[in-house]
N, C-alpha and C. Protein backbone atom coordinates (compact mmCIF):
# COMPACT_ATOMS: atom_id res chain seq x y z
N MET A 1 -17.63 -16.92 29.13
CA MET A 1 -16.56 -17.87 28.44
C MET A 1 -15.17 -17.35 28.94
N GLY A 2 -14.56 -18.50 29.05
CA GLY A 2 -13.32 -18.06 29.36
C GLY A 2 -12.49 -17.60 28.13
N ALA A 3 -11.02 -17.49 28.42
CA ALA A 3 -10.22 -17.39 27.44
C ALA A 3 -9.80 -18.69 26.48
N PRO A 4 -9.67 -18.70 25.34
CA PRO A 4 -9.55 -20.07 24.56
C PRO A 4 -7.93 -20.29 25.05
N PHE A 5 -7.72 -21.69 25.49
CA PHE A 5 -6.80 -22.47 25.91
C PHE A 5 -6.13 -23.76 25.14
N VAL A 6 -5.51 -24.20 24.88
CA VAL A 6 -4.90 -25.14 24.60
C VAL A 6 -4.35 -26.29 25.64
N SER A 7 -4.47 -27.46 25.88
CA SER A 7 -3.97 -28.28 27.46
C SER A 7 -2.96 -29.45 26.41
N PHE A 8 -1.91 -29.10 26.77
CA PHE A 8 -0.73 -30.38 26.31
C PHE A 8 -0.29 -30.78 27.50
N GLY A 9 -0.90 -31.77 28.22
CA GLY A 9 -0.78 -32.43 29.48
C GLY A 9 -1.12 -31.97 30.54
N ASP A 10 -0.14 -31.77 31.20
CA ASP A 10 -0.05 -31.07 32.93
C ASP A 10 -0.09 -29.52 32.52
N PHE A 11 0.41 -29.23 31.04
CA PHE A 11 0.18 -27.64 31.07
C PHE A 11 -0.70 -27.13 30.26
N LEU A 12 -1.20 -25.89 30.55
CA LEU A 12 -2.28 -25.29 30.13
C LEU A 12 -1.69 -23.96 29.24
N VAL A 13 -2.28 -23.96 28.02
CA VAL A 13 -1.62 -22.99 27.33
C VAL A 13 -2.43 -21.98 26.91
N THR A 14 -2.68 -20.44 27.32
CA THR A 14 -3.66 -19.48 26.80
C THR A 14 -3.08 -18.59 25.84
N ASP A 15 -3.85 -17.73 24.90
CA ASP A 15 -3.09 -16.71 24.41
C ASP A 15 -1.68 -16.99 23.31
N ILE A 16 -2.05 -18.08 22.78
CA ILE A 16 -1.25 -18.69 21.74
C ILE A 16 -1.01 -17.69 20.45
N THR A 17 0.15 -17.23 20.34
CA THR A 17 0.21 -16.12 18.83
C THR A 17 1.10 -16.41 18.50
N LEU A 18 1.47 -16.02 16.94
CA LEU A 18 2.29 -16.17 16.29
C LEU A 18 3.34 -15.22 16.47
N THR A 19 4.59 -15.58 16.15
CA THR A 19 5.61 -14.30 16.02
C THR A 19 5.68 -13.09 14.93
N SER A 20 5.51 -12.48 15.66
CA SER A 20 5.12 -11.16 15.03
C SER A 20 6.85 -10.76 14.58
N GLU A 21 6.35 -9.27 13.50
CA GLU A 21 7.54 -8.90 13.62
C GLU A 21 8.38 -8.05 14.32
N LEU A 22 7.30 -7.71 15.33
CA LEU A 22 8.39 -7.12 16.75
C LEU A 22 8.74 -7.80 17.46
N ASP A 23 8.20 -9.09 17.44
CA ASP A 23 8.82 -10.19 18.14
C ASP A 23 10.36 -10.61 17.83
N ALA A 24 10.17 -10.77 16.56
CA ALA A 24 11.95 -11.03 15.59
C ALA A 24 12.83 -10.15 15.95
N VAL A 25 12.45 -8.74 15.82
CA VAL A 25 13.15 -7.71 15.83
C VAL A 25 13.69 -7.92 17.32
N ASN A 26 12.81 -8.00 18.42
CA ASN A 26 13.40 -8.42 20.31
C ASN A 26 14.30 -9.11 19.81
N LEU A 27 13.69 -10.28 19.32
CA LEU A 27 15.10 -11.25 19.47
C LEU A 27 16.39 -10.83 18.86
N MET A 28 16.21 -10.28 17.89
CA MET A 28 17.38 -9.94 16.94
C MET A 28 18.20 -8.95 18.21
N LEU A 29 17.61 -7.96 18.76
CA LEU A 29 18.20 -6.92 19.87
C LEU A 29 18.80 -7.71 20.97
N SER A 30 18.07 -8.84 21.02
CA SER A 30 18.50 -9.35 22.52
C SER A 30 20.02 -10.17 22.44
N VAL A 31 20.26 -10.52 21.05
CA VAL A 31 21.47 -11.41 20.83
C VAL A 31 22.34 -10.15 20.54
N ILE A 32 22.49 -8.95 21.03
CA ILE A 32 23.46 -8.04 20.79
C ILE A 32 23.72 -7.65 22.32
N GLY A 33 22.47 -8.18 23.12
CA GLY A 33 22.39 -7.47 24.97
C GLY A 33 21.62 -6.30 24.77
N GLU A 34 20.51 -5.86 23.63
CA GLU A 34 19.65 -4.25 24.05
C GLU A 34 18.53 -5.18 24.34
N ALA A 35 18.02 -3.81 24.82
CA ALA A 35 16.44 -4.55 25.56
C ALA A 35 15.86 -4.21 24.62
N PRO A 36 14.35 -4.88 24.81
CA PRO A 36 13.32 -5.32 23.94
C PRO A 36 12.84 -3.74 23.65
N VAL A 37 12.28 -3.48 22.51
CA VAL A 37 11.43 -2.20 22.32
C VAL A 37 9.71 -2.35 22.36
N SER A 38 8.95 -1.57 22.40
CA SER A 38 7.54 -2.03 22.31
C SER A 38 7.02 -1.68 20.75
N SER A 39 7.65 -0.94 19.99
CA SER A 39 7.18 -0.95 18.93
C SER A 39 8.35 -0.69 17.72
N LEU A 40 7.98 -0.79 16.32
CA LEU A 40 8.87 -0.89 15.59
C LEU A 40 9.52 0.51 15.32
N THR A 41 8.43 1.34 15.58
CA THR A 41 8.49 3.18 15.17
C THR A 41 9.59 3.75 15.99
N THR A 42 10.08 2.99 16.60
CA THR A 42 11.05 3.72 17.80
C THR A 42 11.73 4.66 16.79
N SER A 43 11.37 6.10 17.07
CA SER A 43 12.59 6.99 16.36
C SER A 43 13.93 7.14 16.87
N GLY A 44 14.75 7.18 16.22
CA GLY A 44 16.25 7.16 16.39
C GLY A 44 16.93 6.27 17.06
N SER A 45 16.24 5.30 16.98
CA SER A 45 17.32 3.70 17.20
C SER A 45 17.80 3.33 15.93
N THR A 46 19.03 3.27 15.90
CA THR A 46 19.57 2.63 14.57
C THR A 46 19.72 1.17 14.73
N ASP A 47 19.82 0.70 15.83
CA ASP A 47 19.54 -0.77 16.21
C ASP A 47 18.32 -1.31 15.68
N VAL A 48 17.44 -0.63 15.82
CA VAL A 48 16.11 -1.44 15.60
C VAL A 48 15.91 -0.81 14.01
N ALA A 49 16.26 0.09 13.42
CA ALA A 49 16.06 0.06 11.90
C ALA A 49 16.83 -0.78 11.42
N THR A 50 18.18 -1.20 11.62
CA THR A 50 19.15 -2.18 11.20
C THR A 50 18.13 -3.41 11.42
N ALA A 51 17.94 -3.79 12.10
CA ALA A 51 17.47 -4.88 12.70
C ALA A 51 16.09 -5.07 11.87
N LYS A 52 15.21 -4.40 11.62
CA LYS A 52 14.36 -4.20 10.33
C LYS A 52 14.65 -4.79 8.90
N GLN A 53 15.47 -3.71 8.74
CA GLN A 53 16.25 -3.76 7.53
C GLN A 53 16.97 -5.08 7.17
N ILE A 54 17.74 -5.72 8.10
CA ILE A 54 18.16 -7.27 7.80
C ILE A 54 17.05 -8.43 7.93
N LEU A 55 15.74 -8.08 8.75
CA LEU A 55 15.05 -8.84 8.80
C LEU A 55 14.37 -8.96 7.67
N SER A 56 14.26 -7.97 6.72
CA SER A 56 13.55 -7.51 5.65
C SER A 56 14.10 -8.01 4.30
N GLU A 57 15.93 -8.42 4.74
CA GLU A 57 16.30 -8.94 3.41
C GLU A 57 16.68 -10.24 3.79
N LEU A 58 16.20 -10.80 5.07
CA LEU A 58 16.44 -12.41 4.71
C LEU A 58 15.24 -13.20 4.92
N SER A 59 14.20 -12.08 5.20
CA SER A 59 12.59 -12.94 4.41
C SER A 59 12.74 -12.94 3.08
N ARG A 60 13.34 -11.93 2.20
CA ARG A 60 13.24 -12.12 0.76
C ARG A 60 14.31 -13.34 0.51
N THR A 61 15.57 -13.44 0.94
CA THR A 61 16.07 -14.12 0.60
C THR A 61 15.59 -15.96 0.70
N VAL A 62 15.25 -15.84 1.71
CA VAL A 62 14.75 -17.43 2.64
C VAL A 62 13.30 -17.68 1.35
N GLN A 63 12.64 -16.61 1.02
CA GLN A 63 11.49 -16.89 0.39
C GLN A 63 11.64 -17.12 -1.36
N SER A 64 12.91 -16.47 -1.38
CA SER A 64 13.27 -16.27 -2.88
C SER A 64 13.27 -18.19 -3.40
N HIS A 65 14.01 -18.88 -2.65
CA HIS A 65 13.64 -20.30 -2.83
C HIS A 65 12.40 -20.91 -3.27
N GLY A 66 11.65 -20.39 -2.75
CA GLY A 66 10.13 -21.07 -3.50
C GLY A 66 9.62 -22.07 -2.24
N TRP A 67 8.58 -21.67 -1.58
CA TRP A 67 8.51 -22.80 -0.63
C TRP A 67 6.67 -23.41 -0.90
N HIS A 68 6.39 -24.18 -0.12
CA HIS A 68 5.00 -24.72 -0.47
C HIS A 68 3.96 -23.72 -0.35
N PHE A 69 4.42 -22.69 0.72
CA PHE A 69 3.36 -21.40 1.10
C PHE A 69 3.31 -20.22 0.56
N ASN A 70 4.72 -20.08 -0.58
CA ASN A 70 4.62 -18.81 -1.04
C ASN A 70 4.91 -19.27 -2.99
N SER A 71 4.69 -20.29 -2.97
CA SER A 71 4.48 -20.77 -4.91
C SER A 71 3.36 -21.31 -5.13
N GLU A 72 3.33 -21.24 -6.13
CA GLU A 72 2.12 -21.48 -7.19
C GLU A 72 2.03 -22.28 -8.49
N GLU A 73 1.84 -23.25 -8.71
CA GLU A 73 2.01 -23.61 -10.70
C GLU A 73 0.60 -23.53 -11.07
N ASP A 74 1.00 -23.48 -12.29
CA ASP A 74 -0.27 -23.48 -13.45
C ASP A 74 -1.15 -21.70 -13.07
N TYR A 75 -0.27 -20.89 -12.59
CA TYR A 75 -1.01 -19.57 -12.31
C TYR A 75 -0.93 -18.89 -13.35
N PRO A 76 -2.58 -18.31 -14.03
CA PRO A 76 -2.56 -17.81 -14.92
C PRO A 76 -2.31 -16.06 -14.87
N LEU A 77 -1.69 -15.46 -15.83
CA LEU A 77 -1.51 -14.09 -15.89
C LEU A 77 -2.09 -14.12 -17.15
N ALA A 78 -3.53 -12.91 -17.04
CA ALA A 78 -4.00 -12.64 -17.73
C ALA A 78 -3.38 -11.31 -18.48
N PRO A 79 -3.84 -11.37 -19.98
CA PRO A 79 -3.16 -9.59 -20.87
C PRO A 79 -4.33 -8.70 -20.11
N THR A 80 -3.85 -7.65 -20.05
CA THR A 80 -4.23 -6.47 -20.08
C THR A 80 -5.18 -5.92 -21.17
N VAL A 81 -6.16 -4.94 -21.20
CA VAL A 81 -6.65 -4.31 -22.67
C VAL A 81 -6.02 -4.17 -23.51
N THR A 82 -4.48 -3.72 -23.10
CA THR A 82 -3.88 -3.39 -24.19
C THR A 82 -3.13 -4.20 -24.57
N GLY A 83 -3.12 -5.55 -23.88
CA GLY A 83 -2.37 -7.01 -24.59
C GLY A 83 -1.50 -7.20 -23.37
N GLU A 84 -0.78 -6.69 -22.87
CA GLU A 84 0.46 -6.78 -21.84
C GLU A 84 -0.14 -7.65 -20.94
N VAL A 85 1.20 -8.38 -20.26
CA VAL A 85 0.97 -9.35 -19.26
C VAL A 85 2.10 -8.80 -17.96
N THR A 86 1.36 -8.39 -17.18
CA THR A 86 1.85 -7.87 -15.79
C THR A 86 2.18 -8.99 -15.15
N LEU A 87 3.02 -8.83 -14.40
CA LEU A 87 3.11 -9.53 -13.44
C LEU A 87 2.80 -9.06 -11.95
N PRO A 88 2.28 -9.55 -10.70
CA PRO A 88 2.13 -8.90 -9.66
C PRO A 88 3.15 -8.57 -9.27
N PRO A 89 2.81 -7.59 -8.23
CA PRO A 89 4.20 -6.53 -7.69
C PRO A 89 4.86 -7.35 -6.72
N ASN A 90 4.35 -8.58 -5.91
CA ASN A 90 5.33 -9.17 -5.07
C ASN A 90 5.75 -10.43 -5.67
N THR A 91 6.00 -10.31 -6.73
CA THR A 91 6.75 -11.42 -7.68
C THR A 91 8.37 -11.66 -7.51
N LEU A 92 8.57 -12.74 -6.91
CA LEU A 92 10.14 -12.70 -6.58
C LEU A 92 10.82 -13.55 -7.73
N ARG A 93 10.34 -14.74 -8.49
CA ARG A 93 10.42 -15.21 -9.78
C ARG A 93 9.31 -15.76 -10.40
N PHE A 94 9.66 -16.42 -11.48
CA PHE A 94 8.31 -17.00 -12.38
C PHE A 94 9.15 -18.19 -13.16
N ASP A 95 8.39 -19.04 -13.76
CA ASP A 95 9.01 -20.07 -14.82
C ASP A 95 7.49 -19.96 -15.52
N LEU A 96 7.90 -20.22 -16.88
CA LEU A 96 6.48 -20.48 -17.80
C LEU A 96 6.54 -21.81 -17.32
N TYR A 97 4.86 -22.14 -17.59
CA TYR A 97 4.63 -23.48 -17.33
C TYR A 97 3.47 -23.99 -18.32
N GLY A 98 3.26 -24.85 -18.55
CA GLY A 98 2.75 -25.57 -19.38
C GLY A 98 2.90 -25.43 -20.91
N ASP A 99 1.59 -25.20 -21.73
CA ASP A 99 1.54 -24.88 -23.15
C ASP A 99 2.48 -23.51 -22.89
N SER A 100 2.42 -22.76 -22.01
CA SER A 100 3.43 -21.93 -22.07
C SER A 100 4.78 -21.62 -22.29
N ALA A 101 5.20 -22.93 -21.81
CA ALA A 101 6.77 -23.17 -21.62
C ALA A 101 7.65 -22.93 -22.77
N SER A 102 6.88 -22.83 -24.31
CA SER A 102 7.71 -22.90 -25.26
C SER A 102 7.46 -21.61 -26.06
N LEU A 103 6.90 -20.51 -25.00
CA LEU A 103 6.86 -18.96 -25.59
C LEU A 103 8.38 -18.70 -25.46
N ASP A 104 8.97 -17.53 -25.55
CA ASP A 104 10.56 -16.55 -25.46
C ASP A 104 9.85 -15.39 -24.54
N LEU A 105 9.53 -15.67 -23.50
CA LEU A 105 8.89 -14.58 -22.69
C LEU A 105 10.22 -14.49 -21.40
N THR A 106 10.31 -13.37 -21.03
CA THR A 106 11.20 -12.78 -20.35
C THR A 106 10.74 -11.33 -19.19
N GLN A 107 10.73 -11.44 -18.10
CA GLN A 107 10.73 -10.35 -17.30
C GLN A 107 11.41 -9.22 -17.65
N ARG A 108 10.88 -7.76 -18.03
CA ARG A 108 11.11 -6.80 -17.93
C ARG A 108 10.34 -5.51 -17.00
N GLY A 109 11.03 -5.34 -15.85
CA GLY A 109 10.15 -4.72 -14.95
C GLY A 109 8.81 -5.43 -14.28
N THR A 110 8.02 -4.91 -14.53
CA THR A 110 7.06 -5.86 -14.08
C THR A 110 5.88 -6.54 -15.12
N ARG A 111 6.59 -6.04 -16.39
CA ARG A 111 5.97 -6.87 -17.54
C ARG A 111 6.41 -8.11 -18.00
N LEU A 112 6.15 -8.77 -18.97
CA LEU A 112 6.73 -9.98 -19.73
C LEU A 112 6.82 -9.41 -21.27
N TYR A 113 8.18 -9.65 -21.78
CA TYR A 113 8.40 -9.03 -22.73
C TYR A 113 8.55 -10.68 -23.86
N ASP A 114 7.99 -10.48 -24.94
CA ASP A 114 8.09 -11.48 -26.12
C ASP A 114 9.75 -11.30 -26.88
N ARG A 115 10.74 -12.29 -26.13
CA ARG A 115 11.76 -11.75 -27.20
C ARG A 115 11.75 -12.06 -28.78
N GLU A 116 10.76 -13.23 -28.76
CA GLU A 116 10.74 -13.47 -30.34
C GLU A 116 10.27 -12.54 -31.33
N ASN A 117 9.08 -12.09 -30.81
CA ASN A 117 8.20 -11.02 -31.27
C ASN A 117 9.11 -9.52 -31.08
N HIS A 118 10.00 -9.07 -30.31
CA HIS A 118 10.25 -8.07 -30.06
C HIS A 118 9.18 -6.74 -29.40
N THR A 119 8.33 -7.42 -28.54
CA THR A 119 7.40 -6.82 -28.21
C THR A 119 6.88 -7.35 -26.83
N TYR A 120 5.72 -6.11 -26.18
CA TYR A 120 5.12 -6.46 -24.96
C TYR A 120 4.04 -6.93 -24.98
N THR A 121 3.53 -6.81 -26.24
CA THR A 121 2.32 -7.27 -26.44
C THR A 121 2.14 -9.08 -26.54
N ILE A 122 1.28 -9.07 -25.77
CA ILE A 122 1.17 -10.98 -25.68
C ILE A 122 -0.28 -11.47 -26.35
N ASN A 123 -0.97 -10.79 -25.88
CA ASN A 123 -2.56 -10.95 -26.15
C ASN A 123 -2.98 -12.19 -25.91
N LYS A 124 -2.76 -12.69 -24.59
CA LYS A 124 -3.27 -14.02 -24.52
C LYS A 124 -2.84 -14.59 -22.95
N THR A 125 -3.50 -15.36 -22.32
CA THR A 125 -3.22 -15.43 -21.28
C THR A 125 -1.64 -16.61 -20.87
N VAL A 126 -1.09 -16.28 -20.04
CA VAL A 126 0.20 -16.82 -19.89
C VAL A 126 0.20 -17.89 -18.69
N LYS A 127 0.43 -18.86 -18.52
CA LYS A 127 0.21 -20.12 -17.25
C LYS A 127 1.85 -19.88 -16.79
N VAL A 128 1.70 -19.34 -15.36
CA VAL A 128 3.46 -19.78 -15.06
C VAL A 128 3.20 -20.25 -13.58
N SER A 129 4.46 -20.92 -13.06
CA SER A 129 4.79 -21.11 -11.95
C SER A 129 5.42 -20.19 -11.12
N ILE A 130 4.90 -19.51 -9.92
CA ILE A 130 5.31 -18.17 -9.57
C ILE A 130 5.82 -18.22 -7.90
N VAL A 131 6.63 -17.72 -7.76
CA VAL A 131 6.98 -17.42 -6.31
C VAL A 131 6.85 -16.03 -5.59
N PHE A 132 5.97 -15.96 -4.96
CA PHE A 132 5.46 -14.12 -4.51
C PHE A 132 6.30 -14.29 -2.91
N LEU A 133 6.47 -13.09 -2.88
CA LEU A 133 6.89 -12.38 -1.55
C LEU A 133 5.98 -12.10 -0.99
N LEU A 134 5.83 -12.74 0.26
CA LEU A 134 4.71 -12.19 1.06
C LEU A 134 5.18 -11.60 2.45
N SER A 135 4.35 -10.66 3.02
CA SER A 135 4.99 -9.86 4.50
C SER A 135 4.95 -11.04 5.46
N PHE A 136 5.59 -10.67 6.36
CA PHE A 136 5.68 -11.41 7.40
C PHE A 136 5.03 -11.91 7.95
N GLU A 137 3.41 -11.08 8.40
CA GLU A 137 2.28 -11.41 8.81
C GLU A 137 1.49 -12.66 8.18
N GLU A 138 1.92 -13.29 6.85
CA GLU A 138 1.48 -13.89 6.06
C GLU A 138 2.34 -14.96 6.09
N LEU A 139 3.19 -15.03 6.55
CA LEU A 139 4.42 -16.38 6.50
C LEU A 139 3.83 -17.34 7.67
N PRO A 140 3.72 -18.77 7.26
CA PRO A 140 3.40 -19.65 8.52
C PRO A 140 4.83 -19.10 9.70
N GLU A 141 4.04 -19.68 10.59
CA GLU A 141 5.27 -19.83 11.94
C GLU A 141 6.18 -20.30 11.91
N THR A 142 6.60 -21.65 11.15
CA THR A 142 7.45 -22.29 11.01
C THR A 142 8.81 -21.51 10.42
N ALA A 143 8.20 -20.80 9.09
CA ALA A 143 8.97 -19.81 8.39
C ALA A 143 9.27 -18.52 8.98
N ARG A 144 8.42 -18.11 10.00
CA ARG A 144 8.74 -16.94 10.40
C ARG A 144 9.91 -17.33 11.77
N LYS A 145 9.93 -18.04 12.61
CA LYS A 145 10.78 -18.62 13.39
C LYS A 145 12.19 -18.68 12.42
N TYR A 146 12.16 -19.28 11.15
CA TYR A 146 13.48 -19.84 10.67
C TYR A 146 14.07 -18.31 10.37
N ILE A 147 13.19 -17.57 9.62
CA ILE A 147 14.01 -16.20 9.35
C ILE A 147 13.99 -15.10 10.33
N ALA A 148 13.59 -15.69 11.47
CA ALA A 148 13.85 -14.46 12.50
C ALA A 148 15.26 -15.30 12.85
N ILE A 149 15.41 -16.50 13.17
CA ILE A 149 16.54 -16.69 13.63
C ILE A 149 17.85 -16.52 12.71
N ARG A 150 17.99 -16.95 11.74
CA ARG A 150 18.79 -16.41 10.43
C ARG A 150 19.16 -15.16 10.64
N ALA A 151 17.69 -14.08 10.75
CA ALA A 151 18.13 -12.37 10.72
C ALA A 151 19.24 -12.35 12.03
N ALA A 152 18.57 -13.17 13.32
CA ALA A 152 19.25 -12.45 14.51
C ALA A 152 20.61 -12.69 14.29
N ARG A 153 21.07 -14.40 13.58
CA ARG A 153 22.53 -14.46 13.66
C ARG A 153 23.45 -13.78 12.56
N ALA A 154 22.36 -13.14 11.51
CA ALA A 154 22.87 -11.85 10.41
C ALA A 154 23.30 -10.62 11.36
N PHE A 155 22.45 -10.56 12.34
CA PHE A 155 22.21 -8.77 12.62
C PHE A 155 23.52 -8.62 13.98
N GLN A 156 23.43 -10.04 14.46
CA GLN A 156 24.95 -10.12 15.65
C GLN A 156 26.26 -9.93 14.89
N LYS A 157 26.44 -10.82 13.74
CA LYS A 157 27.30 -10.71 13.00
C LYS A 157 27.61 -9.24 12.63
N ARG A 158 27.13 -8.67 11.89
CA ARG A 158 27.17 -7.54 11.68
C ARG A 158 27.09 -6.26 12.53
N GLN A 159 26.44 -6.41 14.16
CA GLN A 159 26.83 -5.55 14.49
C GLN A 159 28.20 -5.24 15.69
N LEU A 160 28.02 -6.74 15.95
CA LEU A 160 29.19 -7.18 16.51
C LEU A 160 30.79 -7.41 15.70
N GLY A 161 30.53 -7.33 14.70
CA GLY A 161 31.83 -7.11 13.83
C GLY A 161 32.16 -5.50 13.58
N ASP A 162 31.55 -4.54 13.61
CA ASP A 162 32.01 -3.31 13.64
C ASP A 162 32.82 -2.90 14.46
């Protein structure tokens, strides 16, 4: 068997891959005229470290808006054995949903706090609309490209502005 391929008219495309974090960093380096790197663990390169930081920052900013790919409605959060409700560690934001919307809960750290009863003990499943921070590899290609291009612009502005 040959390599997987997709035919687009007269074009034959092989090895279709999604934009990786390395691809995004290399795009960022290219906008300031730097050579691409083969690894993100290149030690001693402040440009690579800065590019990674900006890419991460822009990914968080873009994902904070909440898109179809990183948000869920009617998401159940069950209490622990101690009655506390803990948010997943990659939660960017949440809103109470459905019947839970009448509760006066807020986020404190990674736990929900009941402001009406002044306690972390909630003792019931809470439904939320939630936005998650996904790793770069979990993002759809359109989001990866959008984030990479925005990060490249920010990187260029910061580097050339120095």
